[in-house]
Amino acid sequence: MLKDKMSVYSAQKTGNLRSKSIQSMHDATDHHGILTIASLERELSRKGISEPSSEHLIGQAEMEGILLRHDDDSWSWLQQSS
């Protein structure tokens, strides 16, 4: 019983961190729709998130096809059709 509760708590905590990380990525995006490592690092720091790193989050989102590299230090979000 306790093990089950711990498992649920751990899953919620992981999901919550993922949600905060994604929200941080959106919050770090400028009004032109551009996300940079520097802006994401500032946002993650502001929210007290040290792991995963900004590079990891951006790399993962790029691999998943969520972000598209704009230039060496910036990315833009891909538009999703409704």
N, C-alpha and C. Protein backbone atom coordinates (compact mmCIF):
# COMPACT_ATOMS: atom_id res chain seq x y z
N MET A 1 0.83 -1.19 0.00
CA MET A 1 0.00 0.00 0.00
C MET A 1 0.87 1.26 0.00
N LEU A 2 1.83 1.33 0.92
CA LEU A 2 2.73 2.48 0.98
C LEU A 2 3.56 2.58 -0.29
N LYS A 3 3.99 1.43 -0.79
CA LYS A 3 4.78 1.40 -2.02
C LYS A 3 3.96 1.96 -3.19
N ASP A 4 2.68 1.62 -3.26
CA ASP A 4 1.81 2.12 -4.31
C ASP A 4 1.66 3.63 -4.22
N LYS A 5 1.48 4.16 -2.99
CA LYS A 5 1.35 5.60 -2.80
C LYS A 5 2.63 6.32 -3.19
N MET A 6 3.78 5.73 -2.85
CA MET A 6 5.06 6.33 -3.21
C MET A 6 5.24 6.35 -4.72
N SER A 7 4.81 5.29 -5.37
CA SER A 7 4.91 5.21 -6.83
C SER A 7 4.06 6.28 -7.50
N VAL A 8 2.83 6.47 -7.01
CA VAL A 8 1.94 7.50 -7.55
C VAL A 8 2.53 8.88 -7.32
N TYR A 9 3.05 9.14 -6.10
CA TYR A 9 3.66 10.43 -5.79
C TYR A 9 4.85 10.70 -6.72
N SER A 10 5.69 9.68 -6.92
CA SER A 10 6.85 9.83 -7.78
C SER A 10 6.44 10.15 -9.21
N ALA A 11 5.43 9.47 -9.71
CA ALA A 11 4.94 9.71 -11.07
C ALA A 11 4.37 11.12 -11.19
N GLN A 12 3.64 11.57 -10.16
CA GLN A 12 3.08 12.92 -10.19
C GLN A 12 4.19 13.97 -10.15
N LYS A 13 5.20 13.72 -9.33
CA LYS A 13 6.32 14.65 -9.22
C LYS A 13 7.06 14.75 -10.55
N THR A 14 7.29 13.61 -11.21
CA THR A 14 7.95 13.61 -12.51
C THR A 14 7.09 14.33 -13.54
N GLY A 15 5.80 14.06 -13.55
CA GLY A 15 4.89 14.74 -14.47
C GLY A 15 4.83 16.22 -14.21
N ASN A 16 4.85 16.60 -12.93
CA ASN A 16 4.82 17.99 -12.56
C ASN A 16 6.09 18.70 -13.03
N LEU A 17 7.25 18.04 -12.90
CA LEU A 17 8.51 18.62 -13.37
C LEU A 17 8.48 18.79 -14.88
N ARG A 18 7.94 17.81 -15.59
CA ARG A 18 7.84 17.91 -17.05
C ARG A 18 6.94 19.09 -17.44
N SER A 19 5.82 19.22 -16.75
CA SER A 19 4.91 20.33 -17.02
C SER A 19 5.59 21.67 -16.75
N LYS A 20 6.31 21.77 -15.63
CA LYS A 20 7.02 23.01 -15.31
C LYS A 20 8.10 23.31 -16.35
N SER A 21 8.76 22.27 -16.81
CA SER A 21 9.82 22.45 -17.81
C SER A 21 9.25 22.96 -19.13
N ILE A 22 8.15 22.37 -19.56
CA ILE A 22 7.51 22.80 -20.81
C ILE A 22 6.98 24.21 -20.65
N GLN A 23 6.37 24.51 -19.51
CA GLN A 23 5.86 25.86 -19.26
C GLN A 23 7.02 26.85 -19.26
N SER A 24 8.15 26.46 -18.70
CA SER A 24 9.33 27.32 -18.69
C SER A 24 9.79 27.62 -20.11
N MET A 25 9.73 26.61 -20.97
CA MET A 25 10.13 26.81 -22.37
C MET A 25 9.21 27.84 -23.03
N HIS A 26 7.93 27.72 -22.79
CA HIS A 26 6.97 28.69 -23.35
C HIS A 26 7.21 30.08 -22.78
N ASP A 27 7.42 30.15 -21.47
CA ASP A 27 7.64 31.44 -20.82
C ASP A 27 8.94 32.10 -21.29
N ALA A 28 9.93 31.31 -21.68
CA ALA A 28 11.22 31.83 -22.13
C ALA A 28 11.20 32.24 -23.60
N THR A 29 10.12 31.97 -24.28
CA THR A 29 9.99 32.31 -25.70
C THR A 29 9.62 33.78 -25.84
N ASP A 30 10.33 34.48 -26.71
CA ASP A 30 10.07 35.92 -26.86
C ASP A 30 8.83 36.19 -27.71
N HIS A 31 8.50 37.45 -27.89
CA HIS A 31 7.27 37.82 -28.62
C HIS A 31 7.36 37.51 -30.12
N HIS A 32 8.56 37.17 -30.60
CA HIS A 32 8.72 36.75 -31.99
C HIS A 32 8.63 35.23 -32.14
N GLY A 33 8.43 34.55 -31.02
CA GLY A 33 8.32 33.09 -31.05
C GLY A 33 9.67 32.38 -31.02
N ILE A 34 10.71 33.07 -30.57
CA ILE A 34 12.06 32.51 -30.55
C ILE A 34 12.46 32.14 -29.12
N LEU A 35 13.01 30.95 -28.98
CA LEU A 35 13.50 30.43 -27.71
C LEU A 35 15.02 30.31 -27.80
N THR A 36 15.73 30.77 -26.78
CA THR A 36 17.18 30.63 -26.74
C THR A 36 17.58 29.87 -25.49
N ILE A 37 18.77 29.31 -25.51
CA ILE A 37 19.29 28.62 -24.33
C ILE A 37 19.39 29.59 -23.17
N ALA A 38 19.89 30.80 -23.43
CA ALA A 38 20.05 31.79 -22.37
C ALA A 38 18.71 32.16 -21.73
N SER A 39 17.69 32.39 -22.56
CA SER A 39 16.38 32.76 -22.00
C SER A 39 15.78 31.60 -21.22
N LEU A 40 15.98 30.37 -21.70
CA LEU A 40 15.46 29.21 -20.98
C LEU A 40 16.22 29.00 -19.68
N GLU A 41 17.54 29.19 -19.69
CA GLU A 41 18.31 29.06 -18.45
C GLU A 41 17.82 30.05 -17.40
N ARG A 42 17.54 31.28 -17.81
CA ARG A 42 17.03 32.28 -16.86
C ARG A 42 15.68 31.86 -16.29
N GLU A 43 14.82 31.35 -17.15
CA GLU A 43 13.47 30.95 -16.72
C GLU A 43 13.54 29.73 -15.79
N LEU A 44 14.35 28.75 -16.13
CA LEU A 44 14.50 27.57 -15.28
C LEU A 44 15.06 27.97 -13.91
N SER A 45 16.03 28.85 -13.92
CA SER A 45 16.62 29.34 -12.67
C SER A 45 15.58 30.06 -11.83
N ARG A 46 14.79 30.89 -12.47
CA ARG A 46 13.74 31.64 -11.77
C ARG A 46 12.75 30.70 -11.09
N LYS A 47 12.48 29.55 -11.74
CA LYS A 47 11.52 28.59 -11.19
C LYS A 47 12.19 27.54 -10.31
N GLY A 48 13.51 27.65 -10.13
CA GLY A 48 14.22 26.72 -9.26
C GLY A 48 14.41 25.34 -9.85
N ILE A 49 14.46 25.24 -11.16
CA ILE A 49 14.65 23.95 -11.84
C ILE A 49 16.10 23.87 -12.30
N SER A 50 16.83 22.88 -11.80
CA SER A 50 18.23 22.72 -12.20
C SER A 50 18.43 21.54 -13.15
N GLU A 51 17.55 20.59 -13.09
CA GLU A 51 17.60 19.43 -13.98
C GLU A 51 16.21 19.16 -14.49
N PRO A 52 16.03 18.84 -15.73
CA PRO A 52 17.04 18.74 -16.77
C PRO A 52 17.54 20.11 -17.21
N SER A 53 18.70 20.12 -17.85
CA SER A 53 19.31 21.36 -18.29
C SER A 53 18.56 21.96 -19.47
N SER A 54 18.81 23.22 -19.73
CA SER A 54 18.17 23.89 -20.87
C SER A 54 18.57 23.21 -22.18
N GLU A 55 19.84 22.82 -22.29
CA GLU A 55 20.30 22.14 -23.50
C GLU A 55 19.57 20.82 -23.70
N HIS A 56 19.37 20.09 -22.60
CA HIS A 56 18.66 18.81 -22.69
C HIS A 56 17.21 19.02 -23.13
N LEU A 57 16.54 19.97 -22.50
CA LEU A 57 15.13 20.22 -22.85
C LEU A 57 14.98 20.63 -24.31
N ILE A 58 15.83 21.55 -24.75
CA ILE A 58 15.75 22.01 -26.14
C ILE A 58 16.10 20.87 -27.10
N GLY A 59 17.14 20.11 -26.78
CA GLY A 59 17.52 18.98 -27.63
C GLY A 59 16.41 17.95 -27.74
N GLN A 60 15.77 17.65 -26.61
CA GLN A 60 14.66 16.68 -26.61
C GLN A 60 13.50 17.20 -27.45
N ALA A 61 13.15 18.48 -27.27
CA ALA A 61 12.04 19.06 -28.04
C ALA A 61 12.38 19.10 -29.53
N GLU A 62 13.64 19.34 -29.84
CA GLU A 62 14.06 19.34 -31.25
C GLU A 62 13.94 17.94 -31.85
N MET A 63 14.36 16.92 -31.08
CA MET A 63 14.26 15.54 -31.56
C MET A 63 12.81 15.11 -31.74
N GLU A 64 11.93 15.62 -30.88
CA GLU A 64 10.52 15.26 -30.95
C GLU A 64 9.77 16.05 -32.02
N GLY A 65 10.46 16.99 -32.66
CA GLY A 65 9.83 17.77 -33.72
C GLY A 65 8.96 18.90 -33.21
N ILE A 66 9.19 19.32 -31.97
CA ILE A 66 8.42 20.41 -31.38
C ILE A 66 9.06 21.75 -31.68
N LEU A 67 10.39 21.75 -31.67
CA LEU A 67 11.16 22.96 -31.96
C LEU A 67 11.95 22.78 -33.24
N LEU A 68 12.15 23.88 -33.93
CA LEU A 68 12.94 23.90 -35.15
C LEU A 68 14.08 24.89 -34.94
N ARG A 69 15.30 24.45 -35.23
CA ARG A 69 16.46 25.33 -35.05
C ARG A 69 16.33 26.53 -35.97
N HIS A 70 16.45 27.71 -35.38
CA HIS A 70 16.36 28.97 -36.11
C HIS A 70 17.75 29.40 -36.57
N ASP A 71 18.72 29.39 -35.65
CA ASP A 71 20.13 29.59 -35.97
C ASP A 71 20.94 28.88 -34.88
N ASP A 72 22.21 29.22 -34.73
CA ASP A 72 23.06 28.49 -33.79
C ASP A 72 22.56 28.52 -32.35
N ASP A 73 21.94 29.61 -31.93
CA ASP A 73 21.55 29.76 -30.53
C ASP A 73 20.06 29.98 -30.32
N SER A 74 19.24 29.69 -31.31
CA SER A 74 17.81 29.94 -31.13
C SER A 74 16.97 28.92 -31.88
N TRP A 75 15.76 28.75 -31.37
CA TRP A 75 14.80 27.80 -31.93
C TRP A 75 13.43 28.46 -31.99
N SER A 76 12.60 27.96 -32.89
CA SER A 76 11.23 28.42 -32.96
C SER A 76 10.30 27.21 -32.82
N TRP A 77 9.11 27.47 -32.31
CA TRP A 77 8.11 26.41 -32.13
C TRP A 77 7.46 26.11 -33.47
N LEU A 78 7.23 24.84 -33.72
CA LEU A 78 6.51 24.46 -34.92
C LEU A 78 5.03 24.69 -34.69
N GLN A 79 4.35 25.21 -35.67
CA GLN A 79 2.92 25.44 -35.59
C GLN A 79 2.21 24.10 -35.68
N GLN A 80 1.22 23.91 -34.86
CA GLN A 80 0.41 22.70 -34.92
C GLN A 80 -0.95 23.06 -35.48
N SER A 81 -1.41 22.23 -36.42
CA SER A 81 -2.73 22.49 -36.99
C SER A 81 -3.80 22.05 -36.01
N SER A 82 -4.94 22.72 -36.06
CA SER A 82 -6.01 22.37 -35.13
C SER A 82 -7.03 21.45 -35.75
